[in-house]
């Protein structure tokens, strides 16, 4: 197999296959995964608040916090550059600020 055939074969893979193979880099991978989780939480959390289903909503809040924690652990294990704690503190701060804003937005459906 020549190099061009191998490159063409790699380019034919789906977005998810490339994402799981780590071809997009650490920053893009984790931001895409984070915003996918936050979007799902906003959608389903807003529906739960609108229907006044508080127990499922609290479960979703716990789930998004656990999901964020797993992403931060993933960043810790995948980052190989200098100043690991500086990168982790900034990233986790941004994740938590966005989590608070998304949580407030979902609670906006209370009349």
PDB file of N, CA and C in Angstrom:
ATOM      1  N   UNK A   1       0.853  -1.163   0.000  1.00  0.00           N
ATOM      2  CA  UNK A   1       0.000   0.000   0.000  1.00  0.00           C
ATOM      3  C   UNK A   1       0.908   1.238   0.000  1.00  0.00           C
ATOM      4  N   UNK A   2       0.667   2.127  -0.931  1.00  0.00           N
ATOM      5  CA  UNK A   2       1.479   3.338  -0.999  1.00  0.00           C
ATOM      6  C   UNK A   2       1.016   4.337   0.055  1.00  0.00           C
ATOM      7  N   UNK A   3       1.824   5.373   0.227  1.00  0.00           N
ATOM      8  CA  UNK A   3       1.506   6.368   1.251  1.00  0.00           C
ATOM      9  C   UNK A   3       0.232   7.136   0.915  1.00  0.00           C
ATOM     10  N   UNK A   4       0.004   7.419  -0.365  1.00  0.00           N
ATOM     11  CA  UNK A   4      -1.209   8.156  -0.745  1.00  0.00           C
ATOM     12  C   UNK A   4      -2.457   7.304  -0.534  1.00  0.00           C
ATOM     13  N   UNK A   5      -2.362   5.992  -0.793  1.00  0.00           N
ATOM     14  CA  UNK A   5      -3.503   5.113  -0.540  1.00  0.00           C
ATOM     15  C   UNK A   5      -3.807   5.046   0.953  1.00  0.00           C
ATOM     16  N   UNK A   6      -2.739   4.983   1.756  1.00  0.00           N
ATOM     17  CA  UNK A   6      -2.921   4.928   3.200  1.00  0.00           C
ATOM     18  C   UNK A   6      -3.545   6.227   3.708  1.00  0.00           C
ATOM     19  N   UNK A   7      -3.094   7.374   3.196  1.00  0.00           N
ATOM     20  CA  UNK A   7      -3.658   8.666   3.592  1.00  0.00           C
ATOM     21  C   UNK A   7      -5.110   8.777   3.168  1.00  0.00           C
ATOM     22  N   UNK A   8      -5.433   8.322   1.969  1.00  0.00           N
ATOM     23  CA  UNK A   8      -6.820   8.367   1.499  1.00  0.00           C
ATOM     24  C   UNK A   8      -7.707   7.474   2.354  1.00  0.00           C
ATOM     25  N   UNK A   9      -7.165   6.318   2.748  1.00  0.00           N
ATOM     26  CA  UNK A   9      -7.939   5.410   3.586  1.00  0.00           C
ATOM     27  C   UNK A   9      -8.209   6.041   4.956  1.00  0.00           C
ATOM     28  N   UNK A  10      -7.232   6.759   5.514  1.00  0.00           N
ATOM     29  CA  UNK A  10      -7.424   7.422   6.795  1.00  0.00           C
ATOM     30  C   UNK A  10      -8.439   8.551   6.692  1.00  0.00           C
ATOM     31  N   UNK A  11      -8.448   9.258   5.564  1.00  0.00           N
ATOM     32  CA  UNK A  11      -9.365  10.380   5.394  1.00  0.00           C
ATOM     33  C   UNK A  11     -10.799   9.925   5.183  1.00  0.00           C
ATOM     34  N   UNK A  12     -11.018   8.667   4.821  1.00  0.00           N
ATOM     35  CA  UNK A  12     -12.364   8.151   4.597  1.00  0.00           C
ATOM     36  C   UNK A  12     -13.083   7.794   5.899  1.00  0.00           C
ATOM     37  N   UNK A  13     -12.372   7.851   7.009  1.00  0.00           N
ATOM     38  CA  UNK A  13     -12.998   7.496   8.281  1.00  0.00           C
ATOM     39  C   UNK A  13     -13.988   8.572   8.713  1.00  0.00           C
ATOM     40  N   UNK A  14     -14.913   8.170   9.540  1.00  0.00           N
ATOM     41  CA  UNK A  14     -15.940   9.105  10.004  1.00  0.00           C
ATOM     42  C   UNK A  14     -15.353  10.091  11.011  1.00  0.00           C
ATOM     43  N   UNK A  15     -16.133  11.121  11.297  1.00  0.00           N
ATOM     44  CA  UNK A  15     -15.734  12.126  12.278  1.00  0.00           C
ATOM     45  C   UNK A  15     -15.507  11.485  13.642  1.00  0.00           C
ATOM     46  N   UNK A  16     -16.405  10.576  14.033  1.00  0.00           N
ATOM     47  CA  UNK A  16     -16.286   9.922  15.338  1.00  0.00           C
ATOM     48  C   UNK A  16     -15.036   9.044  15.403  1.00  0.00           C
ATOM     49  N   UNK A  17     -14.711   8.350  14.315  1.00  0.00           N
ATOM     50  CA  UNK A  17     -13.516   7.506  14.303  1.00  0.00           C
ATOM     51  C   UNK A  17     -12.258   8.356  14.444  1.00  0.00           C
ATOM     52  N   UNK A  18     -12.223   9.497  13.766  1.00  0.00           N
ATOM     53  CA  UNK A  18     -11.070  10.391  13.880  1.00  0.00           C
ATOM     54  C   UNK A  18     -10.988  10.995  15.273  1.00  0.00           C
ATOM     55  N   UNK A  19     -12.144  11.334  15.841  1.00  0.00           N
ATOM     56  CA  UNK A  19     -12.176  11.920  17.177  1.00  0.00           C
ATOM     57  C   UNK A  19     -11.660  10.927  18.212  1.00  0.00           C
ATOM     58  N   UNK A  20     -12.116   9.673  18.125  1.00  0.00           N
ATOM     59  CA  UNK A  20     -11.683   8.650  19.074  1.00  0.00           C
ATOM     60  C   UNK A  20     -10.223   8.260  18.885  1.00  0.00           C
ATOM     61  N   UNK A  21      -9.704   8.422  17.656  1.00  0.00           N
ATOM     62  CA  UNK A  21      -8.303   8.107  17.396  1.00  0.00           C
ATOM     63  C   UNK A  21      -7.374   9.227  17.853  1.00  0.00           C
ATOM     64  N   UNK A  22      -7.948  10.359  18.248  1.00  0.00           N
ATOM     65  CA  UNK A  22      -7.141  11.466  18.741  1.00  0.00           C
ATOM     66  C   UNK A  22      -6.510  12.308  17.661  1.00  0.00           C
ATOM     67  N   UNK A  23      -7.085  12.318  16.469  1.00  0.00           N
ATOM     68  CA  UNK A  23      -6.491  13.064  15.365  1.00  0.00           C
ATOM     69  C   UNK A  23      -6.780  14.560  15.420  1.00  0.00           C
ATOM     70  N   UNK A  24      -7.679  14.989  16.271  1.00  0.00           N
ATOM     71  CA  UNK A  24      -8.028  16.405  16.323  1.00  0.00           C
ATOM     72  C   UNK A  24      -7.292  17.163  17.418  1.00  0.00           C
ATOM     73  N   UNK A  25      -6.523  16.491  18.217  1.00  0.00           N
ATOM     74  CA  UNK A  25      -5.792  17.151  19.285  1.00  0.00           C
ATOM     75  C   UNK A  25      -6.601  17.206  20.570  1.00  0.00           C
ATOM     76  N   UNK A  26      -5.898  17.428  21.643  1.00  0.00           N
ATOM     77  CA  UNK A  26      -6.513  17.409  22.968  1.00  0.00           C
ATOM     78  C   UNK A  26      -7.547  18.507  23.143  1.00  0.00           C
ATOM     79  N   UNK A  27      -7.207  19.721  22.762  1.00  0.00           N
ATOM     80  CA  UNK A  27      -8.114  20.848  22.997  1.00  0.00           C
ATOM     81  C   UNK A  27      -9.425  20.679  22.246  1.00  0.00           C
ATOM     82  N   UNK A  28      -9.356  20.381  20.975  1.00  0.00           N
ATOM     83  CA  UNK A  28     -10.574  20.240  20.168  1.00  0.00           C
ATOM     84  C   UNK A  28     -11.409  19.067  20.666  1.00  0.00           C
ATOM     85  N   UNK A  29     -10.764  17.956  20.957  1.00  0.00           N
ATOM     86  CA  UNK A  29     -11.484  16.767  21.413  1.00  0.00           C
ATOM     87  C   UNK A  29     -12.268  17.045  22.692  1.00  0.00           C
ATOM     88  N   UNK A  30     -11.616  17.611  23.682  1.00  0.00           N
ATOM     89  CA  UNK A  30     -12.298  17.821  24.953  1.00  0.00           C
ATOM     90  C   UNK A  30     -13.323  18.935  24.897  1.00  0.00           C
ATOM     91  N   UNK A  31     -13.109  19.978  24.098  1.00  0.00           N
ATOM     92  CA  UNK A  31     -14.137  21.020  23.978  1.00  0.00           C
ATOM     93  C   UNK A  31     -15.358  20.493  23.247  1.00  0.00           C
ATOM     94  N   UNK A  32     -15.146  19.674  22.219  1.00  0.00           N
ATOM     95  CA  UNK A  32     -16.293  19.084  21.512  1.00  0.00           C
ATOM     96  C   UNK A  32     -17.077  18.176  22.457  1.00  0.00           C
ATOM     97  N   UNK A  33     -16.375  17.323  23.195  1.00  0.00           N
ATOM     98  CA  UNK A  33     -17.058  16.433  24.138  1.00  0.00           C
ATOM     99  C   UNK A  33     -17.767  17.223  25.238  1.00  0.00           C
ATOM    100  N   UNK A  34     -17.127  18.295  25.720  1.00  0.00           N
ATOM    101  CA  UNK A  34     -17.752  19.082  26.779  1.00  0.00           C
ATOM    102  C   UNK A  34     -19.025  19.755  26.281  1.00  0.00           C
ATOM    103  N   UNK A  35     -18.967  20.415  25.121  1.00  0.00           N
ATOM    104  CA  UNK A  35     -20.148  21.118  24.638  1.00  0.00           C
ATOM    105  C   UNK A  35     -21.250  20.162  24.193  1.00  0.00           C
ATOM    106  N   UNK A  36     -20.883  18.955  23.777  1.00  0.00           N
ATOM    107  CA  UNK A  36     -21.915  17.955  23.474  1.00  0.00           C
ATOM    108  C   UNK A  36     -22.662  17.582  24.756  1.00  0.00           C
ATOM    109  N   UNK A  37     -21.931  17.337  25.830  1.00  0.00           N
ATOM    110  CA  UNK A  37     -22.567  17.018  27.110  1.00  0.00           C
ATOM    111  C   UNK A  37     -23.373  18.175  27.667  1.00  0.00           C
ATOM    112  N   UNK A  38     -22.838  19.394  27.573  1.00  0.00           N
ATOM    113  CA  UNK A  38     -23.559  20.566  28.078  1.00  0.00           C
ATOM    114  C   UNK A  38     -24.830  20.820  27.276  1.00  0.00           C
ATOM    115  N   UNK A  39     -24.780  20.586  25.973  1.00  0.00           N
ATOM    116  CA  UNK A  39     -25.972  20.779  25.134  1.00  0.00           C
ATOM    117  C   UNK A  39     -27.061  19.777  25.490  1.00  0.00           C
ATOM    118  N   UNK A  40     -26.669  18.526  25.682  1.00  0.00           N
ATOM    119  CA  UNK A  40     -27.648  17.509  26.085  1.00  0.00           C
ATOM    120  C   UNK A  40     -28.254  17.841  27.447  1.00  0.00           C
ATOM    121  N   UNK A  41     -27.410  18.293  28.373  1.00  0.00           N
ATOM    122  CA  UNK A  41     -27.913  18.675  29.689  1.00  0.00           C
ATOM    123  C   UNK A  41     -28.881  19.849  29.578  1.00  0.00           C
ATOM    124  N   UNK A  42     -28.550  20.839  28.760  1.00  0.00           N
ATOM    125  CA  UNK A  42     -29.436  21.993  28.615  1.00  0.00           C
ATOM    126  C   UNK A  42     -30.789  21.566  28.061  1.00  0.00           C
ATOM    127  N   UNK A  43     -30.771  20.724  27.039  1.00  0.00           N
ATOM    128  CA  UNK A  43     -32.024  20.305  26.408  1.00  0.00           C
ATOM    129  C   UNK A  43     -32.886  19.485  27.371  1.00  0.00           C
ATOM    130  N   UNK A  44     -32.316  18.408  27.896  1.00  0.00           N
ATOM    131  CA  UNK A  44     -33.097  17.523  28.761  1.00  0.00           C
ATOM    132  C   UNK A  44     -33.363  18.147  30.135  1.00  0.00           C
ATOM    133  N   UNK A  45     -32.416  18.927  30.635  1.00  0.00           N
ATOM    134  CA  UNK A  45     -32.630  19.609  31.908  1.00  0.00           C
ATOM    135  C   UNK A  45     -33.735  20.644  31.825  1.00  0.00           C
ATOM    136  N   UNK A  46     -33.793  21.366  30.712  1.00  0.00           N
ATOM    137  CA  UNK A  46     -34.857  22.355  30.522  1.00  0.00           C
ATOM    138  C   UNK A  46     -36.222  21.689  30.470  1.00  0.00           C
ATOM    139  N   UNK A  47     -36.294  20.536  29.808  1.00  0.00           N
ATOM    140  CA  UNK A  47     -37.559  19.804  29.758  1.00  0.00           C
ATOM    141  C   UNK A  47     -37.967  19.320  31.150  1.00  0.00           C
ATOM    142  N   UNK A  48     -37.001  18.839  31.919  1.00  0.00           N
ATOM    143  CA  UNK A  48     -37.310  18.351  33.269  1.00  0.00           C
ATOM    144  C   UNK A  48     -37.788  19.488  34.166  1.00  0.00           C
ATOM    145  N   UNK A  49     -37.151  20.649  34.062  1.00  0.00           N
ATOM    146  CA  UNK A  49     -37.569  21.795  34.872  1.00  0.00           C
ATOM    147  C   UNK A  49     -38.948  22.267  34.444  1.00  0.00           C
ATOM    148  N   UNK A  50     -39.186  22.312  33.148  1.00  0.00           N
ATOM    149  CA  UNK A  50     -40.487  22.755  32.644  1.00  0.00           C
ATOM    150  C   UNK A  50     -41.611  21.837  33.121  1.00  0.00           C
ATOM    151  N   UNK A  51     -41.324  20.542  33.220  1.00  0.00           N
ATOM    152  CA  UNK A  51     -42.327  19.570  33.687  1.00  0.00           C
ATOM    153  C   UNK A  51     -42.296  19.380  35.202  1.00  0.00           C
ATOM    154  N   UNK A  52     -41.459  20.169  35.882  1.00  0.00           N
ATOM    155  CA  UNK A  52     -41.294  20.104  37.337  1.00  0.00           C
ATOM    156  C   UNK A  52     -40.917  18.708  37.822  1.00  0.00           C
ATOM    157  N   UNK A  53     -40.050  18.070  37.091  1.00  0.00           N
ATOM    158  CA  UNK A  53     -39.516  16.757  37.472  1.00  0.00           C
ATOM    159  C   UNK A  53     -38.155  16.993  38.129  1.00  0.00           C
ATOM    160  N   UNK A  54     -38.169  17.268  39.429  1.00  0.00           N
ATOM    161  CA  UNK A  54     -36.963  17.705  40.111  1.00  0.00           C
ATOM    162  C   UNK A  54     -35.979  16.579  40.379  1.00  0.00           C
ATOM    163  N   UNK A  55     -36.450  15.400  40.644  1.00  0.00           N
ATOM    164  CA  UNK A  55     -35.532  14.291  40.896  1.00  0.00           C
ATOM    165  C   UNK A  55     -34.717  13.939  39.649  1.00  0.00           C
ATOM    166  N   UNK A  56     -35.353  13.801  38.472  1.00  0.00           N
ATOM    167  CA  UNK A  56     -34.541  13.579  37.271  1.00  0.00           C
ATOM    168  C   UNK A  56     -33.588  14.745  36.980  1.00  0.00           C
ATOM    169  N   UNK A  57     -34.040  15.969  37.279  1.00  0.00           N
ATOM    170  CA  UNK A  57     -33.173  17.131  37.049  1.00  0.00           C
ATOM    171  C   UNK A  57     -31.933  17.068  37.938  1.00  0.00           C
ATOM    172  N   UNK A  58     -32.122  16.727  39.213  1.00  0.00           N
ATOM    173  CA  UNK A  58     -30.976  16.607  40.113  1.00  0.00           C
ATOM    174  C   UNK A  58     -30.045  15.479  39.677  1.00  0.00           C
ATOM    175  N   UNK A  59     -30.623  14.411  39.139  1.00  0.00           N
ATOM    176  CA  UNK A  59     -29.799  13.341  38.580  1.00  0.00           C
ATOM    177  C   UNK A  59     -28.976  13.822  37.397  1.00  0.00           C
ATOM    178  N   UNK A  60     -29.584  14.669  36.559  1.00  0.00           N
ATOM    179  CA  UNK A  60     -28.855  15.232  35.416  1.00  0.00           C
ATOM    180  C   UNK A  60     -27.744  16.169  35.878  1.00  0.00           C
ATOM    181  N   UNK A  61     -28.005  16.953  36.932  1.00  0.00           N
ATOM    182  CA  UNK A  61     -26.972  17.838  37.475  1.00  0.00           C
ATOM    183  C   UNK A  61     -25.795  17.004  37.984  1.00  0.00           C
ATOM    184  N   UNK A  62     -26.096  15.935  38.712  1.00  0.00           N
ATOM    185  CA  UNK A  62     -25.034  15.045  39.195  1.00  0.00           C
ATOM    186  C   UNK A  62     -24.294  14.412  38.022  1.00  0.00           C
ATOM    187  N   UNK A  63     -25.037  14.043  36.975  1.00  0.00           N
ATOM    188  CA  UNK A  63     -24.411  13.448  35.793  1.00  0.00           C
ATOM    189  C   UNK A  63     -23.488  14.408  35.068  1.00  0.00           C
ATOM    190  N   UNK A  64     -23.905  15.671  34.911  1.00  0.00           N
ATOM    191  CA  UNK A  64     -23.053  16.629  34.199  1.00  0.00           C
ATOM    192  C   UNK A  64     -21.817  16.970  35.026  1.00  0.00           C
ATOM    193  N   UNK A  65     -21.953  16.988  36.357  1.00  0.00           N
ATOM    194  CA  UNK A  65     -20.775  17.225  37.192  1.00  0.00           C
ATOM    195  C   UNK A  65     -19.801  16.050  37.117  1.00  0.00           C
ATOM    196  N   UNK A  66     -20.325  14.824  37.122  1.00  0.00           N
ATOM    197  CA  UNK A  66     -19.462  13.647  36.981  1.00  0.00           C
ATOM    198  C   UNK A  66     -18.809  13.619  35.606  1.00  0.00           C
ATOM    199  N   UNK A  67     -19.569  13.987  34.572  1.00  0.00           N
ATOM    200  CA  UNK A  67     -19.051  14.037  33.204  1.00  0.00           C
ATOM    201  C   UNK A  67     -17.926  15.069  33.104  1.00  0.00           C
ATOM    202  N   UNK A  68     -18.119  16.226  33.723  1.00  0.00           N
ATOM    203  CA  UNK A  68     -17.086  17.258  33.726  1.00  0.00           C
ATOM    204  C   UNK A  68     -15.848  16.764  34.464  1.00  0.00           C
ATOM    205  N   UNK A  69     -16.043  16.086  35.583  1.00  0.00           N
ATOM    206  CA  UNK A  69     -14.924  15.538  36.347  1.00  0.00           C
ATOM    207  C   UNK A  69     -14.135  14.529  35.510  1.00  0.00           C
ATOM    208  N   UNK A  70     -14.843  13.673  34.768  1.00  0.00           N
ATOM    209  CA  UNK A  70     -14.161  12.702  33.906  1.00  0.00           C
ATOM    210  C   UNK A  70     -13.381  13.391  32.793  1.00  0.00           C
ATOM    211  N   UNK A  71     -13.936  14.460  32.232  1.00  0.00           N
ATOM    212  CA  UNK A  71     -13.208  15.199  31.203  1.00  0.00           C
ATOM    213  C   UNK A  71     -11.943  15.833  31.772  1.00  0.00           C
ATOM    214  N   UNK A  72     -12.032  16.367  32.984  1.00  0.00           N
ATOM    215  CA  UNK A  72     -10.850  16.966  33.610  1.00  0.00           C
ATOM    216  C   UNK A  72      -9.795  15.897  33.887  1.00  0.00           C
ATOM    217  N   UNK A  73     -10.222  14.721  34.331  1.00  0.00           N
ATOM    218  CA  UNK A  73      -9.267  13.618  34.515  1.00  0.00           C
ATOM    219  C   UNK A  73      -8.652  13.197  33.186  1.00  0.00           C
ATOM    220  N   UNK A  74      -9.450  13.222  32.121  1.00  0.00           N
ATOM    221  CA  UNK A  74      -8.924  12.908  30.796  1.00  0.00           C
ATOM    222  C   UNK A  74      -7.889  13.909  30.343  1.00  0.00           C
ATOM    223  N   UNK A  75      -8.114  15.177  30.632  1.00  0.00           N
ATOM    224  CA  UNK A  75      -7.133  16.207  30.290  1.00  0.00           C
ATOM    225  C   UNK A  75      -5.851  15.969  31.074  1.00  0.00           C
ATOM    226  N   UNK A  76      -5.995  15.642  32.339  1.00  0.00           N
ATOM    227  CA  UNK A  76      -4.820  15.386  33.177  1.00  0.00           C
ATOM    228  C   UNK A  76      -3.987  14.229  32.637  1.00  0.00           C
ATOM    229  N   UNK A  77      -4.649  13.178  32.205  1.00  0.00           N
ATOM    230  CA  UNK A  77      -3.896  12.015  31.728  1.00  0.00           C
ATOM    231  C   UNK A  77      -3.345  12.211  30.316  1.00  0.00           C
ATOM    232  N   UNK A  78      -3.980  13.059  29.509  1.00  0.00           N
ATOM    233  CA  UNK A  78      -3.537  13.222  28.125  1.00  0.00           C
ATOM    234  C   UNK A  78      -2.568  14.382  27.921  1.00  0.00           C
ATOM    235  N   UNK A  79      -2.543  15.342  28.825  1.00  0.00           N
ATOM    236  CA  UNK A  79      -1.690  16.519  28.653  1.00  0.00           C
ATOM    237  C   UNK A  79      -0.261  16.163  29.004  1.00  0.00           C
ATOM    238  N   UNK A  80       0.670  16.508  28.122  1.00  0.00           N
ATOM    239  CA  UNK A  80       2.064  16.166  28.374  1.00  0.00           C
ATOM    240  C   UNK A  80       2.974  17.387  28.354  1.00  0.00           C
ATOM    241  N   UNK A  81       2.408  18.572  28.325  1.00  0.00           N
ATOM    242  CA  UNK A  81       3.201  19.794  28.274  1.00  0.00           C
ATOM    243  C   UNK A  81       3.596  20.283  29.657  1.00  0.00           C
ATOM    244  N   UNK A  82       4.213  21.471  29.685  1.00  0.00           N
ATOM    245  CA  UNK A  82       4.614  22.044  30.973  1.00  0.00           C
ATOM    246  C   UNK A  82       3.416  22.628  31.716  1.00  0.00           C
ATOM    247  N   UNK A  83       3.574  22.836  33.003  1.00  0.00           N
ATOM    248  CA  UNK A  83       2.595  23.495  33.867  1.00  0.00           C
ATOM    249  C   UNK A  83       1.218  22.827  33.812  1.00  0.00           C
ATOM    250  N   UNK A  84       1.188  21.549  34.133  1.00  0.00           N
ATOM    251  CA  UNK A  84      -0.052  20.776  34.100  1.00  0.00           C
ATOM    252  C   UNK A  84      -1.126  21.396  34.986  1.00  0.00           C
ATOM    253  N   UNK A  85      -0.779  21.777  36.196  1.00  0.00           N
ATOM    254  CA  UNK A  85      -1.789  22.284  37.131  1.00  0.00           C
ATOM    255  C   UNK A  85      -2.357  23.623  36.681  1.00  0.00           C
ATOM    256  N   UNK A  86      -1.543  24.409  35.999  1.00  0.00           N
ATOM    257  CA  UNK A  86      -2.035  25.683  35.465  1.00  0.00           C
ATOM    258  C   UNK A  86      -3.092  25.430  34.393  1.00  0.00           C
ATOM    259  N   UNK A  87      -2.818  24.492  33.512  1.00  0.00           N
ATOM    260  CA  UNK A  87      -3.767  24.138  32.452  1.00  0.00           C
ATOM    261  C   UNK A  87      -5.036  23.550  33.049  1.00  0.00           C
ATOM    262  N   UNK A  88      -4.884  22.642  34.012  1.00  0.00           N
ATOM    263  CA  UNK A  88      -6.059  22.011  34.620  1.00  0.00           C
ATOM    264  C   UNK A  88      -6.907  23.013  35.390  1.00  0.00           C
ATOM    265  N   UNK A  89      -6.281  23.934  36.101  1.00  0.00           N
ATOM    266  CA  UNK A  89      -7.070  24.893  36.881  1.00  0.00           C
ATOM    267  C   UNK A  89      -7.844  25.830  35.973  1.00  0.00           C
ATOM    268  N   UNK A  90      -7.227  26.281  34.908  1.00  0.00           N
ATOM    269  CA  UNK A  90      -7.941  27.162  33.978  1.00  0.00           C
ATOM    270  C   UNK A  90      -9.075  26.424  33.274  1.00  0.00           C
ATOM    271  N   UNK A  91      -8.793  25.217  32.817  1.00  0.00           N
ATOM    272  CA  UNK A  91      -9.818  24.450  32.113  1.00  0.00           C
ATOM    273  C   UNK A  91     -10.983  24.115  33.034  1.00  0.00           C
ATOM    274  N   UNK A  92     -10.684  23.653  34.237  1.00  0.00           N
ATOM    275  CA  UNK A  92     -11.773  23.299  35.152  1.00  0.00           C
ATOM    276  C   UNK A  92     -12.564  24.532  35.569  1.00  0.00           C
ATOM    277  N   UNK A  93     -11.901  25.677  35.704  1.00  0.00           N
ATOM    278  CA  UNK A  93     -12.625  26.912  36.027  1.00  0.00           C
ATOM    279  C   UNK A  93     -13.587  27.283  34.913  1.00  0.00           C
ATOM    280  N   UNK A  94     -13.137  27.190  33.688  1.00  0.00           N
ATOM    281  CA  UNK A  94     -14.001  27.513  32.550  1.00  0.00           C
ATOM    282  C   UNK A  94     -15.154  26.521  32.462  1.00  0.00           C
ATOM    283  N   UNK A  95     -14.861  25.218  32.628  1.00  0.00           N
ATOM    284  CA  UNK A  95     -15.922  24.210  32.598  1.00  0.00           C
ATOM    285  C   UNK A  95     -16.975  24.499  33.669  1.00  0.00           C
ATOM    286  N   UNK A  96     -16.552  24.827  34.873  1.00  0.00           N
ATOM    287  CA  UNK A  96     -17.507  25.050  35.957  1.00  0.00           C
ATOM    288  C   UNK A  96     -18.310  26.330  35.755  1.00  0.00           C
ATOM    289  N   UNK A  97     -17.683  27.377  35.230  1.00  0.00           N
ATOM    290  CA  UNK A  97     -18.428  28.605  34.938  1.00  0.00           C
ATOM    291  C   UNK A  97     -19.506  28.321  33.904  1.00  0.00           C
ATOM    292  N   UNK A  98     -19.159  27.574  32.873  1.00  0.00           N
ATOM    293  CA  UNK A  98     -20.151  27.230  31.851  1.00  0.00           C
ATOM    294  C   UNK A  98     -21.233  26.335  32.445  1.00  0.00           C
ATOM    295  N   UNK A  99     -20.856  25.394  33.323  1.00  0.00           N
ATOM    296  CA  UNK A  99     -21.858  24.545  33.988  1.00  0.00           C
ATOM    297  C   UNK A  99     -22.850  25.384  34.786  1.00  0.00           C
ATOM    298  N   UNK A 100     -22.352  26.382  35.509  1.00  0.00           N
ATOM    299  CA  UNK A 100     -23.243  27.244  36.291  1.00  0.00           C
ATOM    300  C   UNK A 100     -24.178  28.018  35.365  1.00  0.00           C
ATOM    301  N   UNK A 101     -23.639  28.562  34.279  1.00  0.00           N
ATOM    302  CA  UNK A 101     -24.480  29.313  33.341  1.00  0.00           C
ATOM    303  C   UNK A 101     -25.533  28.427  32.684  1.00  0.00           C
ATOM    304  N   UNK A 102     -25.152  27.214  32.309  1.00  0.00           N
ATOM    305  CA  UNK A 102     -26.118  26.288  31.709  1.00  0.00           C
ATOM    306  C   UNK A 102     -27.168  25.894  32.740  1.00  0.00           C
ATOM    307  N   UNK A 103     -26.745  25.658  33.981  1.00  0.00           N
ATOM    308  CA  UNK A 103     -27.700  25.332  35.039  1.00  0.00           C
ATOM    309  C   UNK A 103     -28.688  26.452  35.290  1.00  0.00           C
ATOM    310  N   UNK A 104     -28.203  27.688  35.306  1.00  0.00           N
ATOM    311  CA  UNK A 104     -29.098  28.836  35.480  1.00  0.00           C
ATOM    312  C   UNK A 104     -30.050  28.944  34.297  1.00  0.00           C
ATOM    313  N   UNK A 105     -29.540  28.680  33.105  1.00  0.00           N
ATOM    314  CA  UNK A 105     -30.394  28.743  31.911  1.00  0.00           C
ATOM    315  C   UNK A 105     -31.497  27.696  31.958  1.00  0.00           C
ATOM    316  N   UNK A 106     -31.187  26.504  32.419  1.00  0.00           N
ATOM    317  CA  UNK A 106     -32.230  25.475  32.495  1.00  0.00           C
ATOM    318  C   UNK A 106     -33.270  25.839  33.543  1.00  0.00           C
ATOM    319  N   UNK A 107     -32.839  26.488  34.609  1.00  0.00           N
ATOM    320  CA  UNK A 107     -33.784  26.890  35.651  1.00  0.00           C
ATOM    321  C   UNK A 107     -34.625  28.089  35.229  1.00  0.00           C
ATOM    322  N   UNK A 108     -34.302  28.687  34.104  1.00  0.00           N
ATOM    323  CA  UNK A 108     -35.076  29.810  33.586  1.00  0.00           C
ATOM    324  C   UNK A 108     -36.474  29.417  33.156  1.00  0.00           C
ATOM    325  N   UNK A 109     -36.767  28.128  33.108  1.00  0.00           N
ATOM    326  CA  UNK A 109     -38.094  27.668  32.713  1.00  0.00           C
ATOM    327  C   UNK A 109     -39.065  27.625  33.890  1.00  0.00           C
ATOM    328  N   UNK A 110     -38.612  28.052  35.081  1.00  0.00           N
ATOM    329  CA  UNK A 110     -39.512  28.139  36.235  1.00  0.00           C
ATOM    330  C   UNK A 110     -40.274  29.447  36.112  1.00  0.00           C
ATOM    331  N   UNK A 111     -41.558  29.396  36.193  1.00  0.00           N
ATOM    332  CA  UNK A 111     -42.375  30.610  36.044  1.00  0.00           C
ATOM    333  C   UNK A 111     -42.692  31.173  37.395  1.00  0.00           C
TER     334      UNK A 111
END
